[in-house]
Amino acid sequence: MTEPVTEQAFASLADSLLESLEEAIGTEGDAELQGGVLTVQGDAGTWLVNKHAPTRQIWLSSPKSGARHYAFDNESGLWKDTRGAGDLLSTLSDELGVALEWRPA
């Protein structure tokens, strides 16, 4: 993976991501962004997606795949699983059945 993003860049990237996810998922289901935490209600339960500033990661709590942490990869422009299990948008798309796209501004 590339070098970690700066604190300011992380905050901007994470906020943009969470807002985009709320908008995209909200067209298909129940998604609410409050205080940097996106809550998604689905048939299988509740997904939580939040930014974790101290580690500069996006954390996912999923009723399907459990807890995962994602770090932004500058080279690919993706939020990649820190344990190598893919990227955040692919995981959420698969689990929620919603096509998700996001690119850093």
N, C-alpha and C. Protein backbone atom coordinates (compact mmCIF):
# COMPACT_ATOMS: atom_id res chain seq x y z
N MET A 1 0.83 -1.18 0.00
CA MET A 1 0.00 0.00 0.00
C MET A 1 0.88 1.25 0.00
N THR A 2 0.30 2.33 -0.45
CA THR A 2 1.02 3.59 -0.50
C THR A 2 1.07 4.21 0.89
N GLU A 3 1.77 5.32 0.96
CA GLU A 3 1.88 6.05 2.23
C GLU A 3 0.51 6.48 2.72
N PRO A 4 0.31 6.52 4.04
CA PRO A 4 -0.98 6.96 4.58
C PRO A 4 -1.25 8.41 4.21
N VAL A 5 -2.51 8.74 4.06
CA VAL A 5 -2.90 10.11 3.74
C VAL A 5 -2.75 10.99 4.98
N THR A 6 -2.64 12.30 4.75
CA THR A 6 -2.54 13.23 5.87
C THR A 6 -3.88 13.29 6.60
N GLU A 7 -3.85 13.85 7.78
CA GLU A 7 -5.08 13.96 8.58
C GLU A 7 -6.14 14.78 7.85
N GLN A 8 -5.73 15.91 7.25
CA GLN A 8 -6.67 16.75 6.52
C GLN A 8 -7.22 16.03 5.30
N ALA A 9 -6.36 15.37 4.55
CA ALA A 9 -6.80 14.64 3.36
C ALA A 9 -7.75 13.52 3.75
N PHE A 10 -7.44 12.81 4.84
CA PHE A 10 -8.31 11.74 5.31
C PHE A 10 -9.70 12.28 5.62
N ALA A 11 -9.77 13.38 6.37
CA ALA A 11 -11.06 13.94 6.76
C ALA A 11 -11.89 14.29 5.52
N SER A 12 -11.26 14.89 4.53
CA SER A 12 -11.95 15.27 3.31
C SER A 12 -12.42 14.04 2.52
N LEU A 13 -11.52 13.07 2.34
CA LEU A 13 -11.86 11.84 1.63
C LEU A 13 -12.97 11.07 2.33
N ALA A 14 -12.85 10.92 3.65
CA ALA A 14 -13.83 10.15 4.42
C ALA A 14 -15.21 10.81 4.39
N ASP A 15 -15.25 12.14 4.56
CA ASP A 15 -16.53 12.85 4.52
C ASP A 15 -17.19 12.71 3.15
N SER A 16 -16.38 12.85 2.10
CA SER A 16 -16.91 12.71 0.74
C SER A 16 -17.46 11.31 0.52
N LEU A 17 -16.72 10.30 0.98
CA LEU A 17 -17.16 8.92 0.83
C LEU A 17 -18.48 8.68 1.56
N LEU A 18 -18.56 9.06 2.82
CA LEU A 18 -19.76 8.81 3.61
C LEU A 18 -20.98 9.52 3.03
N GLU A 19 -20.79 10.76 2.57
CA GLU A 19 -21.91 11.50 1.96
C GLU A 19 -22.37 10.81 0.67
N SER A 20 -21.42 10.36 -0.14
CA SER A 20 -21.76 9.66 -1.39
C SER A 20 -22.49 8.35 -1.11
N LEU A 21 -22.02 7.62 -0.10
CA LEU A 21 -22.67 6.36 0.25
C LEU A 21 -24.09 6.59 0.74
N GLU A 22 -24.27 7.61 1.58
CA GLU A 22 -25.63 7.91 2.08
C GLU A 22 -26.56 8.21 0.91
N GLU A 23 -26.09 9.01 -0.03
CA GLU A 23 -26.92 9.38 -1.17
C GLU A 23 -27.24 8.16 -2.04
N ALA A 24 -26.23 7.35 -2.37
CA ALA A 24 -26.43 6.20 -3.26
C ALA A 24 -27.28 5.11 -2.60
N ILE A 25 -26.98 4.79 -1.35
CA ILE A 25 -27.71 3.73 -0.66
C ILE A 25 -29.13 4.21 -0.33
N GLY A 26 -29.25 5.50 -0.03
CA GLY A 26 -30.54 6.08 0.33
C GLY A 26 -31.56 6.01 -0.79
N THR A 27 -31.11 5.93 -2.04
CA THR A 27 -32.05 5.81 -3.14
C THR A 27 -32.68 4.42 -3.19
N GLU A 28 -32.01 3.44 -2.58
CA GLU A 28 -32.47 2.05 -2.60
C GLU A 28 -33.01 1.57 -1.25
N GLY A 29 -32.65 2.28 -0.17
CA GLY A 29 -33.03 1.79 1.16
C GLY A 29 -32.89 2.86 2.21
N ASP A 30 -32.73 2.42 3.45
CA ASP A 30 -32.70 3.30 4.61
C ASP A 30 -31.26 3.56 5.03
N ALA A 31 -30.76 4.77 4.74
CA ALA A 31 -29.40 5.15 5.11
C ALA A 31 -29.42 6.54 5.73
N GLU A 32 -28.71 6.69 6.85
CA GLU A 32 -28.67 7.98 7.53
C GLU A 32 -27.26 8.26 8.02
N LEU A 33 -26.76 9.44 7.69
CA LEU A 33 -25.43 9.88 8.11
C LEU A 33 -25.58 10.92 9.21
N GLN A 34 -24.99 10.60 10.38
CA GLN A 34 -25.02 11.53 11.51
C GLN A 34 -23.71 11.44 12.26
N GLY A 35 -23.06 12.59 12.46
CA GLY A 35 -21.84 12.64 13.25
C GLY A 35 -20.72 11.75 12.73
N GLY A 36 -20.62 11.62 11.41
CA GLY A 36 -19.55 10.81 10.84
C GLY A 36 -19.82 9.32 10.86
N VAL A 37 -21.06 8.93 11.18
CA VAL A 37 -21.44 7.51 11.20
C VAL A 37 -22.61 7.31 10.25
N LEU A 38 -22.43 6.42 9.28
CA LEU A 38 -23.50 6.07 8.35
C LEU A 38 -24.16 4.80 8.86
N THR A 39 -25.46 4.87 9.08
CA THR A 39 -26.24 3.72 9.53
C THR A 39 -27.15 3.29 8.39
N VAL A 40 -27.05 2.01 8.02
CA VAL A 40 -27.85 1.46 6.93
C VAL A 40 -28.68 0.31 7.48
N GLN A 41 -29.99 0.43 7.35
CA GLN A 41 -30.90 -0.63 7.77
C GLN A 41 -31.22 -1.50 6.56
N GLY A 42 -31.03 -2.80 6.70
CA GLY A 42 -31.32 -3.72 5.61
C GLY A 42 -32.05 -4.94 6.11
N ASP A 43 -32.43 -5.81 5.19
CA ASP A 43 -33.14 -7.03 5.55
C ASP A 43 -32.33 -7.92 6.50
N ALA A 44 -31.01 -7.91 6.35
CA ALA A 44 -30.15 -8.77 7.17
C ALA A 44 -29.76 -8.14 8.50
N GLY A 45 -30.09 -6.85 8.68
CA GLY A 45 -29.72 -6.18 9.93
C GLY A 45 -29.23 -4.76 9.67
N THR A 46 -28.30 -4.31 10.51
CA THR A 46 -27.80 -2.94 10.45
C THR A 46 -26.32 -2.92 10.12
N TRP A 47 -25.96 -2.09 9.14
CA TRP A 47 -24.56 -1.85 8.80
C TRP A 47 -24.18 -0.50 9.37
N LEU A 48 -22.99 -0.40 9.92
CA LEU A 48 -22.44 0.87 10.37
C LEU A 48 -21.14 1.11 9.63
N VAL A 49 -21.01 2.31 9.07
CA VAL A 49 -19.78 2.71 8.39
C VAL A 49 -19.36 4.03 9.02
N ASN A 50 -18.16 4.07 9.57
CA ASN A 50 -17.72 5.31 10.21
C ASN A 50 -16.25 5.57 9.95
N LYS A 51 -15.92 6.85 10.06
CA LYS A 51 -14.52 7.22 9.91
C LYS A 51 -13.85 7.14 11.28
N HIS A 52 -12.64 6.61 11.27
CA HIS A 52 -11.87 6.48 12.50
C HIS A 52 -10.59 7.29 12.31
N ALA A 53 -10.64 8.55 12.74
CA ALA A 53 -9.55 9.50 12.49
C ALA A 53 -8.20 9.07 13.06
N PRO A 54 -8.13 8.51 14.28
CA PRO A 54 -6.81 8.16 14.81
C PRO A 54 -6.01 7.19 13.93
N THR A 55 -6.70 6.29 13.25
CA THR A 55 -6.01 5.32 12.38
C THR A 55 -6.13 5.70 10.90
N ARG A 56 -6.89 6.76 10.62
CA ARG A 56 -7.17 7.20 9.25
C ARG A 56 -7.75 6.05 8.43
N GLN A 57 -8.75 5.42 9.01
CA GLN A 57 -9.42 4.30 8.37
C GLN A 57 -10.94 4.51 8.39
N ILE A 58 -11.60 3.79 7.49
CA ILE A 58 -13.05 3.68 7.51
C ILE A 58 -13.34 2.31 8.12
N TRP A 59 -14.20 2.28 9.12
CA TRP A 59 -14.54 1.03 9.78
C TRP A 59 -15.95 0.62 9.38
N LEU A 60 -16.12 -0.67 9.12
CA LEU A 60 -17.40 -1.23 8.74
C LEU A 60 -17.80 -2.29 9.76
N SER A 61 -19.03 -2.20 10.22
CA SER A 61 -19.62 -3.26 11.04
C SER A 61 -20.79 -3.79 10.22
N SER A 62 -20.71 -5.06 9.84
CA SER A 62 -21.70 -5.65 8.94
C SER A 62 -22.32 -6.89 9.54
N PRO A 63 -23.66 -7.04 9.39
CA PRO A 63 -24.29 -8.27 9.87
C PRO A 63 -23.92 -9.48 9.01
N LYS A 64 -23.34 -9.25 7.84
CA LYS A 64 -22.97 -10.34 6.96
C LYS A 64 -21.49 -10.72 7.06
N SER A 65 -20.62 -9.73 7.09
CA SER A 65 -19.18 -10.02 7.06
C SER A 65 -18.43 -9.64 8.33
N GLY A 66 -19.13 -9.09 9.31
CA GLY A 66 -18.49 -8.73 10.56
C GLY A 66 -17.78 -7.38 10.49
N ALA A 67 -16.76 -7.22 11.31
CA ALA A 67 -16.03 -5.96 11.40
C ALA A 67 -14.83 -5.97 10.46
N ARG A 68 -14.67 -4.86 9.74
CA ARG A 68 -13.54 -4.72 8.82
C ARG A 68 -13.04 -3.28 8.88
N HIS A 69 -11.77 -3.12 8.58
CA HIS A 69 -11.16 -1.79 8.54
C HIS A 69 -10.60 -1.55 7.14
N TYR A 70 -10.77 -0.32 6.65
CA TYR A 70 -10.33 0.03 5.30
C TYR A 70 -9.46 1.28 5.34
N ALA A 71 -8.35 1.24 4.61
CA ALA A 71 -7.45 2.38 4.50
C ALA A 71 -7.45 2.84 3.04
N PHE A 72 -7.34 4.15 2.84
CA PHE A 72 -7.35 4.68 1.49
C PHE A 72 -6.03 4.38 0.80
N ASP A 73 -6.12 3.87 -0.42
CA ASP A 73 -4.95 3.55 -1.23
C ASP A 73 -4.85 4.59 -2.34
N ASN A 74 -3.80 5.41 -2.28
CA ASN A 74 -3.63 6.50 -3.25
C ASN A 74 -3.50 6.00 -4.67
N GLU A 75 -2.84 4.89 -4.87
CA GLU A 75 -2.59 4.38 -6.22
C GLU A 75 -3.89 3.98 -6.92
N SER A 76 -4.76 3.27 -6.23
CA SER A 76 -5.99 2.78 -6.85
C SER A 76 -7.18 3.71 -6.64
N GLY A 77 -7.10 4.58 -5.62
CA GLY A 77 -8.23 5.44 -5.29
C GLY A 77 -9.34 4.69 -4.57
N LEU A 78 -9.01 3.50 -4.01
CA LEU A 78 -9.99 2.66 -3.32
C LEU A 78 -9.71 2.61 -1.83
N TRP A 79 -10.77 2.35 -1.07
CA TRP A 79 -10.63 2.08 0.36
C TRP A 79 -10.44 0.57 0.48
N LYS A 80 -9.20 0.15 0.71
CA LYS A 80 -8.86 -1.28 0.71
C LYS A 80 -8.87 -1.86 2.12
N ASP A 81 -9.36 -3.10 2.21
CA ASP A 81 -9.40 -3.83 3.47
C ASP A 81 -7.97 -3.98 3.98
N THR A 82 -7.74 -3.65 5.24
CA THR A 82 -6.39 -3.72 5.79
C THR A 82 -5.89 -5.15 5.93
N ARG A 83 -6.78 -6.12 5.77
CA ARG A 83 -6.38 -7.53 5.82
C ARG A 83 -6.40 -8.18 4.44
N GLY A 84 -6.53 -7.34 3.41
CA GLY A 84 -6.43 -7.83 2.04
C GLY A 84 -7.67 -8.48 1.46
N ALA A 85 -8.83 -8.23 2.03
CA ALA A 85 -10.06 -8.88 1.56
C ALA A 85 -10.90 -7.95 0.68
N GLY A 86 -10.28 -7.29 -0.29
CA GLY A 86 -11.04 -6.46 -1.21
C GLY A 86 -11.14 -5.01 -0.79
N ASP A 87 -12.17 -4.34 -1.32
CA ASP A 87 -12.35 -2.93 -1.01
C ASP A 87 -13.76 -2.67 -0.48
N LEU A 88 -13.91 -1.53 0.15
CA LEU A 88 -15.17 -1.19 0.83
C LEU A 88 -16.36 -1.15 -0.11
N LEU A 89 -16.23 -0.48 -1.24
CA LEU A 89 -17.38 -0.35 -2.13
C LEU A 89 -17.83 -1.69 -2.67
N SER A 90 -16.89 -2.56 -3.01
CA SER A 90 -17.26 -3.89 -3.50
C SER A 90 -17.99 -4.68 -2.42
N THR A 91 -17.49 -4.61 -1.21
CA THR A 91 -18.11 -5.33 -0.10
C THR A 91 -19.54 -4.84 0.13
N LEU A 92 -19.70 -3.52 0.23
CA LEU A 92 -21.03 -2.97 0.47
C LEU A 92 -21.97 -3.23 -0.70
N SER A 93 -21.47 -3.11 -1.92
CA SER A 93 -22.29 -3.38 -3.11
C SER A 93 -22.83 -4.80 -3.08
N ASP A 94 -21.93 -5.75 -2.80
CA ASP A 94 -22.32 -7.16 -2.74
C ASP A 94 -23.33 -7.42 -1.63
N GLU A 95 -23.07 -6.88 -0.46
CA GLU A 95 -23.92 -7.17 0.70
C GLU A 95 -25.28 -6.48 0.64
N LEU A 96 -25.31 -5.27 0.09
CA LEU A 96 -26.56 -4.50 0.06
C LEU A 96 -27.31 -4.64 -1.25
N GLY A 97 -26.65 -5.18 -2.27
CA GLY A 97 -27.29 -5.31 -3.57
C GLY A 97 -27.53 -3.97 -4.25
N VAL A 98 -26.61 -3.01 -4.01
CA VAL A 98 -26.71 -1.67 -4.57
C VAL A 98 -25.41 -1.37 -5.30
N ALA A 99 -25.51 -0.87 -6.52
CA ALA A 99 -24.31 -0.49 -7.26
C ALA A 99 -23.75 0.80 -6.65
N LEU A 100 -22.49 0.75 -6.21
CA LEU A 100 -21.87 1.90 -5.57
C LEU A 100 -20.61 2.31 -6.31
N GLU A 101 -20.48 3.61 -6.54
CA GLU A 101 -19.28 4.17 -7.15
C GLU A 101 -18.89 5.40 -6.37
N TRP A 102 -17.58 5.61 -6.27
CA TRP A 102 -17.06 6.82 -5.63
C TRP A 102 -15.64 7.02 -6.10
N ARG A 103 -15.30 8.22 -6.41
CA ARG A 103 -13.93 8.57 -6.76
C ARG A 103 -13.54 9.81 -5.97
N PRO A 104 -12.31 9.84 -5.47
CA PRO A 104 -11.88 11.01 -4.72
C PRO A 104 -11.90 12.27 -5.60
N ALA A 105 -12.26 13.38 -4.99
CA ALA A 105 -12.35 14.66 -5.73
C ALA A 105 -10.97 15.23 -5.98
